[in-house]
Amino acid sequence: MSDRIRVAAEEDIPQDEGLVIPKALTGADDDIALFKDDQGCIFALDNTCPHEVASLAEGWVEDGYVECPLHSSKFDLRTGEAQSLPAPRGVNVHRVEVHDGEVYLYAGERP
């Protein structure tokens, strides 16, 4: 089990957009993108699309998926699984918790 890290206030994460948490803060192999869907649920995924180097935090969030801004691969916010080509594989997901409006990340730990 990884240590929890306070990474943001819940209000810092724009709805249907991403917020990048640098790997220097988390100790993860990649920057981590936090997303808040239209129901207010928060998800954490590796930020880099595995197809080409593109930031998923710059993508579009809709219906439980984030779409890569470069070539439109879609990734499931809950599982990180790739839902469409050209992504050759999914991305890692990380456990997040919200307590009293503060968002805590458990980098490397699956939800």
C-alpha atoms as a PDB file:
ATOM      1  CA  MET A   1       0.000   0.000   0.000  1.00  0.00           C
ATOM      2  CA  SER A   2       1.381   3.411  -0.944  1.00  0.00           C
ATOM      3  CA  ASP A   3       1.380   6.495   1.208  1.00  0.00           C
ATOM      4  CA  ARG A   4      -1.422   8.922   0.632  1.00  0.00           C
ATOM      5  CA  ILE A   5      -0.491  12.326  -0.720  1.00  0.00           C
ATOM      6  CA  ARG A   6      -2.704  15.401  -0.579  1.00  0.00           C
ATOM      7  CA  VAL A   7      -2.690  16.610  -4.200  1.00  0.00           C
ATOM      8  CA  ALA A   8      -5.497  19.146  -4.531  1.00  0.00           C
ATOM      9  CA  ALA A   9      -8.626  20.637  -3.127  1.00  0.00           C
ATOM     10  CA  GLU A  10     -11.723  19.141  -4.716  1.00  0.00           C
ATOM     11  CA  GLU A  11     -12.639  22.572  -6.079  1.00  0.00           C
ATOM     12  CA  ASP A  12      -9.239  22.809  -7.865  1.00  0.00           C
ATOM     13  CA  ILE A  13     -10.243  20.071 -10.321  1.00  0.00           C
ATOM     14  CA  PRO A  14     -12.408  21.495 -13.095  1.00  0.00           C
ATOM     15  CA  GLN A  15     -15.440  19.418 -14.046  1.00  0.00           C
ATOM     16  CA  ASP A  16     -14.929  17.441 -17.263  1.00  0.00           C
ATOM     17  CA  GLU A  17     -11.276  18.544 -17.479  1.00  0.00           C
ATOM     18  CA  GLY A  18      -7.946  17.319 -16.140  1.00  0.00           C
ATOM     19  CA  LEU A  19      -5.394  18.524 -13.616  1.00  0.00           C
ATOM     20  CA  VAL A  20      -1.785  17.294 -13.858  1.00  0.00           C
ATOM     21  CA  ILE A  21       0.031  16.143 -10.728  1.00  0.00           C
ATOM     22  CA  PRO A  22       3.799  15.967 -11.428  1.00  0.00           C
ATOM     23  CA  LYS A  23       5.596  12.651 -10.997  1.00  0.00           C
ATOM     24  CA  ALA A  24       8.193  14.470  -8.853  1.00  0.00           C
ATOM     25  CA  LEU A  25       5.451  14.913  -6.231  1.00  0.00           C
ATOM     26  CA  THR A  26       3.971  11.421  -6.449  1.00  0.00           C
ATOM     27  CA  GLY A  27       7.020   9.254  -7.102  1.00  0.00           C
ATOM     28  CA  ALA A  28       5.138   7.555  -9.949  1.00  0.00           C
ATOM     29  CA  ASP A  29       6.687   6.706 -13.321  1.00  0.00           C
ATOM     30  CA  ASP A  30       4.435   9.214 -15.118  1.00  0.00           C
ATOM     31  CA  ASP A  31       2.648  12.412 -14.268  1.00  0.00           C
ATOM     32  CA  ILE A  32      -0.849  11.646 -13.020  1.00  0.00           C
ATOM     33  CA  ALA A  33      -3.977  13.341 -14.338  1.00  0.00           C
ATOM     34  CA  LEU A  34      -6.940  13.927 -12.041  1.00  0.00           C
ATOM     35  CA  PHE A  35     -10.370  14.140 -13.633  1.00  0.00           C
ATOM     36  CA  LYS A  36     -13.783  15.091 -12.261  1.00  0.00           C
ATOM     37  CA  ASP A  37     -16.770  13.813 -14.191  1.00  0.00           C
ATOM     38  CA  ASP A  38     -20.183  15.458 -14.476  1.00  0.00           C
ATOM     39  CA  GLN A  39     -21.339  13.637 -11.326  1.00  0.00           C
ATOM     40  CA  GLY A  40     -18.424  14.996  -9.283  1.00  0.00           C
ATOM     41  CA  CYS A  41     -16.513  11.696  -9.076  1.00  0.00           C
ATOM     42  CA  ILE A  42     -12.734  12.040  -9.157  1.00  0.00           C
ATOM     43  CA  PHE A  43     -10.425   9.663 -11.015  1.00  0.00           C
ATOM     44  CA  ALA A  44      -6.636   9.427 -11.404  1.00  0.00           C
ATOM     45  CA  LEU A  45      -4.891   8.020 -14.477  1.00  0.00           C
ATOM     46  CA  ASP A  46      -1.381   8.122 -15.864  1.00  0.00           C
ATOM     47  CA  ASN A  47      -1.225  11.311 -17.895  1.00  0.00           C
ATOM     48  CA  THR A  48       0.602  10.120 -21.017  1.00  0.00           C
ATOM     49  CA  CYS A  49      -1.279   8.482 -23.879  1.00  0.00           C
ATOM     50  CA  PRO A  50       0.515   5.226 -24.815  1.00  0.00           C
ATOM     51  CA  HIS A  51       0.023   5.841 -28.542  1.00  0.00           C
ATOM     52  CA  GLU A  52       2.067   9.036 -28.806  1.00  0.00           C
ATOM     53  CA  VAL A  53       3.259  11.487 -26.217  1.00  0.00           C
ATOM     54  CA  ALA A  54       0.145  13.503 -25.455  1.00  0.00           C
ATOM     55  CA  SER A  55      -1.274  14.732 -22.159  1.00  0.00           C
ATOM     56  CA  LEU A  56      -4.592  13.096 -21.336  1.00  0.00           C
ATOM     57  CA  ALA A  57      -5.268  16.009 -18.951  1.00  0.00           C
ATOM     58  CA  GLU A  58      -5.661  18.139 -22.086  1.00  0.00           C
ATOM     59  CA  GLY A  59      -8.298  15.752 -23.438  1.00  0.00           C
ATOM     60  CA  TRP A  60     -12.081  15.749 -23.250  1.00  0.00           C
ATOM     61  CA  VAL A  61     -14.044  14.037 -20.487  1.00  0.00           C
ATOM     62  CA  GLU A  62     -17.467  12.672 -21.352  1.00  0.00           C
ATOM     63  CA  ASP A  63     -19.628   9.711 -20.326  1.00  0.00           C
ATOM     64  CA  GLY A  64     -16.950   8.129 -18.104  1.00  0.00           C
ATOM     65  CA  TYR A  65     -14.117   8.395 -20.624  1.00  0.00           C
ATOM     66  CA  VAL A  66     -11.252  10.744 -21.417  1.00  0.00           C
ATOM     67  CA  GLU A  67     -10.384  11.257 -25.067  1.00  0.00           C
ATOM     68  CA  CYS A  68      -6.773  11.906 -26.030  1.00  0.00           C
ATOM     69  CA  PRO A  69      -6.404  15.346 -27.644  1.00  0.00           C
ATOM     70  CA  LEU A  70      -3.952  14.093 -30.263  1.00  0.00           C
ATOM     71  CA  HIS A  71      -5.576  11.119 -32.022  1.00  0.00           C
ATOM     72  CA  SER A  72      -8.858  10.629 -30.108  1.00  0.00           C
ATOM     73  CA  SER A  73      -8.134   7.355 -28.321  1.00  0.00           C
ATOM     74  CA  LYS A  74     -10.577   6.936 -25.443  1.00  0.00           C
ATOM     75  CA  PHE A  75      -9.734   5.625 -21.977  1.00  0.00           C
ATOM     76  CA  ASP A  76     -12.144   4.430 -19.304  1.00  0.00           C
ATOM     77  CA  LEU A  77     -11.801   6.688 -16.240  1.00  0.00           C
ATOM     78  CA  ARG A  78     -12.509   3.785 -13.858  1.00  0.00           C
ATOM     79  CA  THR A  79     -10.219   1.130 -15.333  1.00  0.00           C
ATOM     80  CA  GLY A  80      -7.786   2.967 -17.625  1.00  0.00           C
ATOM     81  CA  GLU A  81      -8.593   0.511 -20.412  1.00  0.00           C
ATOM     82  CA  ALA A  82      -8.263   1.787 -23.967  1.00  0.00           C
ATOM     83  CA  GLN A  83     -11.674   1.890 -25.622  1.00  0.00           C
ATOM     84  CA  SER A  84     -10.568   2.805 -29.119  1.00  0.00           C
ATOM     85  CA  LEU A  85      -7.607   2.842 -31.468  1.00  0.00           C
ATOM     86  CA  PRO A  86      -4.979   3.981 -32.070  1.00  0.00           C
ATOM     87  CA  ALA A  87      -3.986   3.436 -28.408  1.00  0.00           C
ATOM     88  CA  PRO A  88      -2.209   0.056 -28.220  1.00  0.00           C
ATOM     89  CA  ARG A  89      -3.038  -0.423 -24.517  1.00  0.00           C
ATOM     90  CA  GLY A  90      -4.612   1.250 -21.526  1.00  0.00           C
ATOM     91  CA  VAL A  91      -3.069   3.418 -18.825  1.00  0.00           C
ATOM     92  CA  ASN A  92      -2.591   2.857 -15.109  1.00  0.00           C
ATOM     93  CA  VAL A  93      -5.264   4.049 -12.713  1.00  0.00           C
ATOM     94  CA  HIS A  94      -4.564   5.200  -9.165  1.00  0.00           C
ATOM     95  CA  ARG A  95      -6.659   5.240  -6.017  1.00  0.00           C
ATOM     96  CA  VAL A  96      -8.031   8.606  -4.890  1.00  0.00           C
ATOM     97  CA  GLU A  97     -10.044   9.580  -1.831  1.00  0.00           C
ATOM     98  CA  VAL A  98     -11.775  12.804  -0.908  1.00  0.00           C
ATOM     99  CA  HIS A  99     -11.974  13.853   2.740  1.00  0.00           C
ATOM    100  CA  ASP A 100     -13.401  17.213   3.814  1.00  0.00           C
ATOM    101  CA  GLY A 101     -12.929  18.635   0.318  1.00  0.00           C
ATOM    102  CA  GLU A 102      -9.275  17.537   0.065  1.00  0.00           C
ATOM    103  CA  VAL A 103      -8.157  15.059  -2.608  1.00  0.00           C
ATOM    104  CA  TYR A 104      -5.669  12.370  -1.599  1.00  0.00           C
ATOM    105  CA  LEU A 105      -3.799  10.188  -4.071  1.00  0.00           C
ATOM    106  CA  TYR A 106      -2.363   6.721  -3.489  1.00  0.00           C
ATOM    107  CA  ALA A 107       0.059   6.604  -6.443  1.00  0.00           C
ATOM    108  CA  GLY A 108       0.565   3.105  -7.827  1.00  0.00           C
ATOM    109  CA  GLU A 109      -2.360   1.648  -5.899  1.00  0.00           C
ATOM    110  CA  ARG A 110      -5.364   0.584  -7.963  1.00  0.00           C
ATOM    111  CA  PRO A 111      -8.800   1.731  -6.807  1.00  0.00           C
END
